[in-house]
C-alpha atoms as a PDB file:
ATOM      1  CA  MET A   1      85.611 112.022 137.960  1.00  0.00           C
ATOM      2  CA  SER A   2      88.175 112.041 140.260  1.00  0.00           C
ATOM      3  CA  LYS A   3      91.787 114.188 139.543  1.00  0.00           C
ATOM      4  CA  ALA A   4      93.852 111.129 139.107  1.00  0.00           C
ATOM      5  CA  ARG A   5      91.363 109.940 136.322  1.00  0.00           C
ATOM      6  CA  LEU A   6      90.740 113.316 134.860  1.00  0.00           C
ATOM      7  CA  THR A   7      95.202 113.938 134.728  1.00  0.00           C
ATOM      8  CA  LYS A   8      94.846 110.782 132.595  1.00  0.00           C
ATOM      9  CA  ALA A   9      91.744 111.836 130.676  1.00  0.00           C
ATOM     10  CA  ARG A  10      94.253 114.588 130.129  1.00  0.00           C
ATOM     11  CA  ILE A  11      97.043 112.537 129.323  1.00  0.00           C
ATOM     12  CA  ILE A  12      95.381 110.363 126.901  1.00  0.00           C
ATOM     13  CA  ARG A  13      93.448 113.484 125.404  1.00  0.00           C
ATOM     14  CA  GLN A  14      96.556 115.453 124.464  1.00  0.00           C
ATOM     15  CA  ALA A  15      98.665 112.830 123.645  1.00  0.00           C
ATOM     16  CA  ALA A  16      96.114 111.400 121.030  1.00  0.00           C
ATOM     17  CA  GLU A  17      96.643 114.694 118.876  1.00  0.00           C
ATOM     18  CA  LEU A  18     100.224 114.238 119.396  1.00  0.00           C
ATOM     19  CA  PHE A  19     100.667 111.183 118.124  1.00  0.00           C
ATOM     20  CA  ASN A  20      97.818 111.920 115.189  1.00  0.00           C
ATOM     21  CA  GLN A  21     100.475 115.026 114.244  1.00  0.00           C
ATOM     22  CA  LYS A  22     103.972 113.759 114.825  1.00  0.00           C
ATOM     23  CA  GLY A  23     103.120 109.854 114.454  1.00  0.00           C
ATOM     24  CA  TYR A  24     104.268 107.252 117.482  1.00  0.00           C
ATOM     25  CA  ALA A  25     107.173 106.543 116.387  1.00  0.00           C
ATOM     26  CA  GLY A  26     108.465 110.103 116.300  1.00  0.00           C
ATOM     27  CA  SER A  27     106.641 110.913 118.978  1.00  0.00           C
ATOM     28  CA  SER A  28     109.243 110.921 122.155  1.00  0.00           C
ATOM     29  CA  ILE A  29     108.142 111.004 125.598  1.00  0.00           C
ATOM     30  CA  ALA A  30     109.758 114.298 125.777  1.00  0.00           C
ATOM     31  CA  ASP A  31     107.411 115.733 123.024  1.00  0.00           C
ATOM     32  CA  ILE A  32     104.752 114.657 125.609  1.00  0.00           C
ATOM     33  CA  MET A  33     105.952 115.458 128.546  1.00  0.00           C
ATOM     34  CA  GLN A  34     105.724 119.179 126.766  1.00  0.00           C
ATOM     35  CA  ALA A  35     102.271 118.282 125.399  1.00  0.00           C
ATOM     36  CA  THR A  36     100.703 117.267 128.467  1.00  0.00           C
ATOM     37  CA  GLY A  37     102.805 119.501 131.290  1.00  0.00           C
ATOM     38  CA  LEU A  38     103.613 116.589 132.928  1.00  0.00           C
ATOM     39  CA  LYS A  39     106.960 114.620 134.115  1.00  0.00           C
ATOM     40  CA  LYS A  40     108.024 111.945 132.955  1.00  0.00           C
ATOM     41  CA  GLY A  41     106.939 110.281 136.475  1.00  0.00           C
ATOM     42  CA  GLY A  42     103.859 111.744 136.203  1.00  0.00           C
ATOM     43  CA  ILE A  43     102.746 110.078 132.663  1.00  0.00           C
ATOM     44  CA  TYR A  44     104.575 107.028 133.736  1.00  0.00           C
ATOM     45  CA  ASN A  45     102.511 106.810 137.085  1.00  0.00           C
ATOM     46  CA  HIS A  46      99.219 106.418 135.094  1.00  0.00           C
ATOM     47  CA  PHE A  47     101.070 104.241 131.329  1.00  0.00           C
ATOM     48  CA  PRO A  48     103.782 101.699 132.770  1.00  0.00           C
ATOM     49  CA  SER A  49     104.524 102.794 129.068  1.00  0.00           C
ATOM     50  CA  LYS A  50     104.443 104.139 125.444  1.00  0.00           C
ATOM     51  CA  ASP A  51     103.042 101.070 123.753  1.00  0.00           C
ATOM     52  CA  GLU A  52     100.049 101.834 127.079  1.00  0.00           C
ATOM     53  CA  LEU A  53      99.331 105.351 126.462  1.00  0.00           C
ATOM     54  CA  ALA A  54      99.239 104.792 122.487  1.00  0.00           C
ATOM     55  CA  LEU A  55      96.800 102.267 122.363  1.00  0.00           C
ATOM     56  CA  ALA A  56      94.670 104.650 125.084  1.00  0.00           C
ATOM     57  CA  ALA A  57      94.936 107.070 122.537  1.00  0.00           C
ATOM     58  CA  PHE A  58      94.136 105.113 119.487  1.00  0.00           C
ATOM     59  CA  ASP A  59      91.173 104.074 121.508  1.00  0.00           C
ATOM     60  CA  TYR A  60      90.556 107.598 122.430  1.00  0.00           C
ATOM     61  CA  ALA A  61      90.875 109.087 118.451  1.00  0.00           C
ATOM     62  CA  PHE A  62      88.949 106.163 117.078  1.00  0.00           C
ATOM     63  CA  ASN A  63      86.513 106.587 119.506  1.00  0.00           C
ATOM     64  CA  LEU A  64      85.852 110.299 118.438  1.00  0.00           C
ATOM     65  CA  ILE A  65      84.818 109.611 114.746  1.00  0.00           C
ATOM     66  CA  SER A  66      83.059 106.936 115.707  1.00  0.00           C
ATOM     67  CA  GLN A  67      80.792 108.365 117.834  1.00  0.00           C
ATOM     68  CA  ARG A  68      80.492 111.154 115.156  1.00  0.00           C
ATOM     69  CA  ILE A  69      79.694 108.295 112.381  1.00  0.00           C
ATOM     70  CA  TRP A  70      77.231 106.848 114.971  1.00  0.00           C
ATOM     71  CA  SER A  71      75.822 110.030 115.241  1.00  0.00           C
ATOM     72  CA  ALA A  72      74.545 110.952 111.731  1.00  0.00           C
ATOM     73  CA  VAL A  73      73.651 107.043 110.955  1.00  0.00           C
ATOM     74  CA  LYS A  74      70.992 106.170 113.699  1.00  0.00           C
ATOM     75  CA  THR A  75      68.687 108.859 112.309  1.00  0.00           C
ATOM     76  CA  LYS A  76      68.144 107.489 109.016  1.00  0.00           C
ATOM     77  CA  ARG A  77      65.338 105.378 108.594  1.00  0.00           C
ATOM     78  CA  ASN A  78      66.767 103.215 105.425  1.00  0.00           C
ATOM     79  CA  ALA A  79      69.446 101.571 104.226  1.00  0.00           C
ATOM     80  CA  ILE A  80      70.279 104.316 101.701  1.00  0.00           C
ATOM     81  CA  GLU A  81      69.947 106.919 103.758  1.00  0.00           C
ATOM     82  CA  ARG A  82      72.432 105.428 106.427  1.00  0.00           C
ATOM     83  CA  LEU A  83      75.179 104.872 104.332  1.00  0.00           C
ATOM     84  CA  ASP A  84      74.248 108.233 102.611  1.00  0.00           C
ATOM     85  CA  ALA A  85      74.569 109.643 105.793  1.00  0.00           C
ATOM     86  CA  LEU A  86      77.842 108.131 107.233  1.00  0.00           C
ATOM     87  CA  VAL A  87      80.131 109.088 103.227  1.00  0.00           C
ATOM     88  CA  SER A  88      78.439 112.440 104.268  1.00  0.00           C
ATOM     89  CA  SER A  89      80.141 112.953 107.567  1.00  0.00           C
ATOM     90  CA  TYR A  90      83.412 112.595 106.896  1.00  0.00           C
ATOM     91  CA  LEU A  91      82.747 116.170 105.486  1.00  0.00           C
ATOM     92  CA  ILE A  92      83.922 116.845 109.342  1.00  0.00           C
ATOM     93  CA  TYR A  93      87.383 116.360 107.915  1.00  0.00           C
ATOM     94  CA  ILE A  94      86.969 119.626 106.483  1.00  0.00           C
ATOM     95  CA  ASP A  95      85.789 122.071 108.805  1.00  0.00           C
ATOM     96  CA  ASP A  96      85.567 120.818 111.555  1.00  0.00           C
ATOM     97  CA  PRO A  97      88.118 117.561 112.279  1.00  0.00           C
ATOM     98  CA  PRO A  98      87.126 115.149 115.213  1.00  0.00           C
ATOM     99  CA  ILE A  99      91.155 115.319 115.907  1.00  0.00           C
ATOM    100  CA  ILE A 100      94.115 117.271 114.363  1.00  0.00           C
ATOM    101  CA  GLY A 101      96.505 116.203 111.716  1.00  0.00           C
ATOM    102  CA  GLY A 102      93.353 113.169 109.591  1.00  0.00           C
ATOM    103  CA  CYS A 103      92.328 110.234 109.906  1.00  0.00           C
ATOM    104  CA  PRO A 104      93.806 108.645 113.539  1.00  0.00           C
ATOM    105  CA  VAL A 105      92.571 104.790 111.799  1.00  0.00           C
ATOM    106  CA  LEU A 106      94.430 105.458 108.283  1.00  0.00           C
ATOM    107  CA  ASN A 107      97.763 107.296 110.239  1.00  0.00           C
ATOM    108  CA  THR A 108      98.235 104.692 112.376  1.00  0.00           C
ATOM    109  CA  ALA A 109      97.443 101.976 109.690  1.00  0.00           C
ATOM    110  CA  ILE A 110     100.599 103.538 107.427  1.00  0.00           C
ATOM    111  CA  GLU A 111     102.415 103.684 110.648  1.00  0.00           C
ATOM    112  CA  THR A 112     102.186 100.503 111.881  1.00  0.00           C
ATOM    113  CA  ASP A 113     102.601  98.276 107.893  1.00  0.00           C
ATOM    114  CA  GLY A 114     104.642  95.693 108.087  1.00  0.00           C
ATOM    115  CA  THR A 115     104.733  95.694 112.011  1.00  0.00           C
ATOM    116  CA  ASP A 116     103.644  92.671 114.199  1.00  0.00           C
ATOM    117  CA  SER A 117     101.925  94.745 116.926  1.00  0.00           C
ATOM    118  CA  PRO A 118      98.996  95.018 119.245  1.00  0.00           C
ATOM    119  CA  LEU A 119      98.724  98.883 117.477  1.00  0.00           C
ATOM    120  CA  ARG A 120      98.566  97.637 113.923  1.00  0.00           C
ATOM    121  CA  ASP A 121      96.158  95.271 115.160  1.00  0.00           C
ATOM    122  CA  ARG A 122      94.177  98.285 116.807  1.00  0.00           C
ATOM    123  CA  ALA A 123      93.422  99.594 113.486  1.00  0.00           C
ATOM    124  CA  LEU A 124      92.805  97.208 111.843  1.00  0.00           C
ATOM    125  CA  ALA A 125      89.700  96.309 114.278  1.00  0.00           C
ATOM    126  CA  ALA A 126      88.305  99.766 113.369  1.00  0.00           C
ATOM    127  CA  ILE A 127      88.166  99.161 110.125  1.00  0.00           C
ATOM    128  CA  ASN A 128      86.801  96.044 110.340  1.00  0.00           C
ATOM    129  CA  SER A 129      84.429  97.729 112.647  1.00  0.00           C
ATOM    130  CA  TRP A 130      83.822 100.397 109.728  1.00  0.00           C
ATOM    131  CA  ARG A 131      83.393  97.358 107.780  1.00  0.00           C
ATOM    132  CA  GLY A 132      81.256  95.604 109.704  1.00  0.00           C
ATOM    133  CA  LEU A 133      79.090  98.683 110.535  1.00  0.00           C
ATOM    134  CA  ILE A 134      78.474  98.371 106.329  1.00  0.00           C
ATOM    135  CA  ILE A 135      78.244  95.645 106.255  1.00  0.00           C
ATOM    136  CA  ARG A 136      75.227  95.441 108.682  1.00  0.00           C
ATOM    137  CA  ILE A 137      73.579  98.454 107.004  1.00  0.00           C
ATOM    138  CA  LEU A 138      73.791  96.638 103.478  1.00  0.00           C
ATOM    139  CA  ASN A 139      72.257  93.245 104.645  1.00  0.00           C
ATOM    140  CA  LYS A 140      69.883  94.526 106.075  1.00  0.00           C
ATOM    141  CA  GLY A 141      68.445  96.534 103.520  1.00  0.00           C
ATOM    142  CA  ILE A 142      68.364  94.222 100.588  1.00  0.00           C
ATOM    143  CA  LYS A 143      66.890  91.933 103.202  1.00  0.00           C
ATOM    144  CA  LYS A 144      64.298  94.599 103.468  1.00  0.00           C
ATOM    145  CA  GLY A 145      64.100  95.974 100.350  1.00  0.00           C
ATOM    146  CA  GLU A 146      65.620  98.407  99.808  1.00  0.00           C
ATOM    147  CA  VAL A 147      69.364  97.626  98.191  1.00  0.00           C
ATOM    148  CA  ARG A 148      69.408  95.737  95.200  1.00  0.00           C
ATOM    149  CA  ALA A 149      69.250  91.786  95.854  1.00  0.00           C
ATOM    150  CA  THR A 150      72.430  91.521  93.523  1.00  0.00           C
ATOM    151  CA  VAL A 151      74.625  94.224  95.686  1.00  0.00           C
ATOM    152  CA  GLU A 152      77.896  92.597  97.410  1.00  0.00           C
ATOM    153  CA  PRO A 153      78.059  94.403 100.505  1.00  0.00           C
ATOM    154  CA  ASP A 154      81.271  93.496 101.567  1.00  0.00           C
ATOM    155  CA  ILE A 155      82.573  94.628  98.173  1.00  0.00           C
ATOM    156  CA  VAL A 156      80.640  97.784  98.863  1.00  0.00           C
ATOM    157  CA  ALA A 157      82.466  98.567 102.350  1.00  0.00           C
ATOM    158  CA  THR A 158      85.654  98.441 100.710  1.00  0.00           C
ATOM    159  CA  ILE A 159      85.134 100.810  97.839  1.00  0.00           C
ATOM    160  CA  ILE A 160      83.750 103.221 100.253  1.00  0.00           C
ATOM    161  CA  ILE A 161      86.389 102.976 102.915  1.00  0.00           C
ATOM    162  CA  ALA A 162      89.587 102.830 100.553  1.00  0.00           C
ATOM    163  CA  THR A 163      87.609 106.029  98.437  1.00  0.00           C
ATOM    164  CA  LEU A 164      87.198 107.349 101.715  1.00  0.00           C
ATOM    165  CA  GLU A 165      90.650 107.366 103.540  1.00  0.00           C
ATOM    166  CA  GLY A 166      92.229 107.203 100.058  1.00  0.00           C
ATOM    167  CA  ALA A 167      90.672 111.426  99.761  1.00  0.00           C
ATOM    168  CA  ILE A 168      91.330 112.060 103.452  1.00  0.00           C
ATOM    169  CA  MET A 169      95.156 111.304 102.613  1.00  0.00           C
ATOM    170  CA  MET A 170      95.396 113.407  99.033  1.00  0.00           C
ATOM    171  CA  SER A 171      93.602 116.552 101.403  1.00  0.00           C
ATOM    172  CA  GLN A 172      95.531 116.341 103.706  1.00  0.00           C
ATOM    173  CA  LEU A 173      98.907 116.141 101.947  1.00  0.00           C
ATOM    174  CA  GLU A 174      97.622 118.490  99.197  1.00  0.00           C
ATOM    175  CA  GLN A 175      96.121 120.484 102.380  1.00  0.00           C
ATOM    176  CA  ASN A 176      92.869 120.981  99.435  1.00  0.00           C
ATOM    177  CA  PRO A 177      90.266 119.423 100.380  1.00  0.00           C
ATOM    178  CA  VAL A 178      88.708 119.514  96.677  1.00  0.00           C
ATOM    179  CA  HIS A 179      89.960 115.571  96.992  1.00  0.00           C
ATOM    180  CA  LEU A 180      87.454 114.209 100.178  1.00  0.00           C
ATOM    181  CA  GLN A 181      84.802 116.671  98.177  1.00  0.00           C
ATOM    182  CA  ARG A 182      85.278 114.912  94.527  1.00  0.00           C
ATOM    183  CA  ALA A 183      85.436 111.386  97.119  1.00  0.00           C
ATOM    184  CA  VAL A 184      82.140 111.854  98.856  1.00  0.00           C
ATOM    185  CA  ALA A 185      80.393 113.074  95.513  1.00  0.00           C
ATOM    186  CA  TYR A 186      81.250 110.618  93.802  1.00  0.00           C
ATOM    187  CA  LEU A 187      80.238 107.718  96.359  1.00  0.00           C
ATOM    188  CA  GLN A 188      77.198 109.534  97.257  1.00  0.00           C
ATOM    189  CA  SER A 189      76.192 109.015  93.119  1.00  0.00           C
ATOM    190  CA  TYR A 190      77.376 105.353  94.047  1.00  0.00           C
ATOM    191  CA  ILE A 191      75.585 104.658  96.780  1.00  0.00           C
ATOM    192  CA  HIS A 192      72.197 105.902  95.058  1.00  0.00           C
ATOM    193  CA  GLY A 193      72.676 104.028  92.492  1.00  0.00           C
ATOM    194  CA  LEU A 194      72.834 100.524  94.910  1.00  0.00           C
ATOM    195  CA  ARG A 195      68.984 101.681  95.264  1.00  0.00           C
ATOM    196  CA  SER A 196      66.809  98.300  94.357  1.00  0.00           C
ATOM    197  CA  ASN A 197      63.417  99.215  91.757  1.00  0.00           C
ATOM    198  CA  ASP A 198      60.787  98.768  93.747  1.00  0.00           C
ATOM    199  CA  PHE A 199      62.430 100.920  96.749  1.00  0.00           C
ATOM    200  CA  ILE A 200      63.256 103.898  94.214  1.00  0.00           C
ATOM    201  CA  GLN A 201      59.452 103.298  92.866  1.00  0.00           C
ATOM    202  CA  THR A 202      57.816 103.093  96.169  1.00  0.00           C
ATOM    203  CA  ASN A 203      60.058 106.597  96.920  1.00  0.00           C
ATOM    204  CA  SER A 204      58.853 108.108  94.090  1.00  0.00           C
END
């Protein structure tokens, strides 16, 4: 990788950590310069605006989380195990967070709420990506007889994402992991309750 590309990647990584802790609006160009150790010209040499840097930083942060989730899900054999792994993967926010400052999707969604901006669109796309993954897992599970046919995948996706993101917010606010631990434990029980009777009998 060229020196220019390495520098750009470093700016994105350090800006992502800064934005996730202080917020996009709360981070000045001076803060970015301090975080990266670069002068203003060095930053703008790689990004034409703060907005462009914010989009790149969000994509970087979201990819970190998505990779963790996918690595946990992809090796599992069936829909119930995949959803269980997806939910359990959120416990990384307690001991080994992919990025400091909580969930970047949640943070960005809150900060850009009520605005019409590309950054808000990115956060919405990220949430829809997670919803889509959960829905695909459930639809495949229903088709294979692993999940009850009466389960509504879109509703389940809402419950899982809203519960996890809300728990992350509470744990982050109180600096207490118990809320996320409780949410994961509840969702694990909820997910196992989605199993079809045939699947339970086959695996009992």
